[in-house]
Amino acid sequence: MCFDSSEQERFDASEFIVLIPLPTRSMLFMISAHDSIAMYLAIEPQSLCFYVMAASKRKSEFSTEAGSKYLILGAFPSGILLFGYDRTTTDI
């Protein structure tokens, strides 16, 4: 009975081979960032990989919903952050 449920809940972990090193590299790039745009460019691939990891269970509607919610809720702060960077760096 326990093995049947684990077979039903099993998912393909081949994408994790790519999705684990990419956020790790972006964390290392974030350490060496000297300005705010480099910091933003280091955080963004990391967050996108975490959105994909949240939605990695293809057969679960909760997983798909979680991934889409994270994407939408992550896009707004990202846009606000970029707008703030733009407003603080322009010379008018």
Protein backbone atom coordinates (compact mmCIF):
# COMPACT_ATOMS: atom_id res chain seq x y z
CA MET A 1 0.00 0.00 0.00
CA CYS A 2 2.80 2.39 0.86
CA PHE A 3 4.69 1.48 -2.30
CA ASP A 4 1.64 2.15 -4.47
CA SER A 5 1.28 5.68 -3.16
CA SER A 6 4.98 6.37 -3.62
CA GLU A 7 4.72 5.18 -7.24
CA GLN A 8 1.78 7.52 -7.85
CA GLU A 9 3.57 10.48 -6.28
CA ARG A 10 6.85 9.82 -8.11
CA PHE A 11 8.09 12.53 -10.44
CA ASP A 12 10.97 12.77 -12.84
CA ALA A 13 13.96 14.36 -11.14
CA SER A 14 16.09 14.84 -14.24
CA GLU A 15 15.41 18.58 -14.33
CA PHE A 16 16.83 18.92 -10.84
CA ILE A 17 20.26 18.16 -12.27
CA VAL A 18 20.08 21.55 -13.98
CA LEU A 19 17.93 23.37 -11.44
CA ILE A 20 20.21 22.86 -8.44
CA PRO A 21 23.56 24.17 -9.83
CA LEU A 22 22.03 27.26 -11.45
CA PRO A 23 20.76 28.86 -8.21
CA THR A 24 24.02 27.87 -6.54
CA ARG A 25 26.02 29.70 -9.21
CA SER A 26 23.76 32.70 -8.96
CA MET A 27 24.27 32.77 -5.17
CA LEU A 28 28.02 32.80 -5.76
CA PHE A 29 27.60 35.60 -8.29
CA MET A 30 25.53 37.52 -5.75
CA ILE A 31 28.47 37.40 -3.32
CA SER A 32 30.73 39.11 -5.84
CA ALA A 33 28.18 41.74 -6.97
CA HIS A 34 29.41 45.30 -6.53
CA ASP A 35 26.32 47.21 -7.62
CA SER A 36 22.57 46.83 -7.36
CA ILE A 37 21.97 45.77 -10.97
CA ALA A 38 24.46 42.92 -10.65
CA MET A 39 22.71 41.92 -7.43
CA TYR A 40 19.36 41.91 -9.25
CA LEU A 41 20.77 39.85 -12.11
CA ALA A 42 22.06 37.33 -9.57
CA ILE A 43 18.77 37.04 -7.68
CA GLU A 44 16.52 36.67 -10.73
CA PRO A 45 17.75 33.29 -12.11
CA GLN A 46 17.74 31.96 -8.58
CA SER A 47 14.10 32.87 -8.07
CA LEU A 48 13.07 31.53 -11.49
CA CYS A 49 14.62 28.15 -10.68
CA PHE A 50 12.75 28.06 -7.39
CA TYR A 51 9.47 28.78 -9.22
CA VAL A 52 10.13 25.84 -11.53
CA MET A 53 10.98 23.62 -8.56
CA ALA A 54 7.71 24.58 -6.88
CA ALA A 55 5.78 23.57 -10.01
CA SER A 56 7.80 20.45 -10.77
CA LYS A 57 5.09 17.90 -9.97
CA ARG A 58 3.30 17.89 -13.30
CA LYS A 59 0.27 15.84 -12.26
CA SER A 60 -0.56 17.88 -9.17
CA GLU A 61 -2.84 20.88 -9.59
CA PHE A 62 -1.57 22.27 -6.28
CA SER A 63 1.99 22.28 -7.60
CA THR A 64 0.98 24.10 -10.77
CA GLU A 65 -1.00 26.61 -8.75
CA ALA A 66 1.93 27.19 -6.40
CA GLY A 67 4.34 27.75 -9.28
CA SER A 68 2.04 30.25 -10.98
CA LYS A 69 1.39 32.09 -7.71
CA TYR A 70 5.10 32.35 -7.00
CA LEU A 71 5.71 33.63 -10.52
CA ILE A 72 3.02 36.30 -10.28
CA LEU A 73 3.93 37.33 -6.74
CA GLY A 74 7.61 37.43 -7.69
CA ALA A 75 7.07 39.52 -10.83
CA PHE A 76 5.55 42.47 -8.98
CA PRO A 77 8.43 43.06 -6.54
CA SER A 78 10.88 42.52 -9.38
CA GLY A 79 9.18 45.19 -11.48
CA ILE A 80 8.98 47.59 -8.55
CA LEU A 81 12.65 47.00 -7.78
CA LEU A 82 13.69 47.70 -11.37
CA PHE A 83 11.51 50.80 -11.45
CA GLY A 84 13.19 52.01 -8.25
CA TYR A 85 16.65 51.38 -9.71
CA ASP A 86 15.66 53.33 -12.80
CA ARG A 87 14.35 56.26 -10.80
CA THR A 88 17.48 56.48 -8.64
CA THR A 89 20.05 56.24 -11.44
CA THR A 90 18.68 58.60 -14.10
CA ASP A 91 20.00 62.16 -14.39
CA ILE A 92 17.27 64.59 -15.36
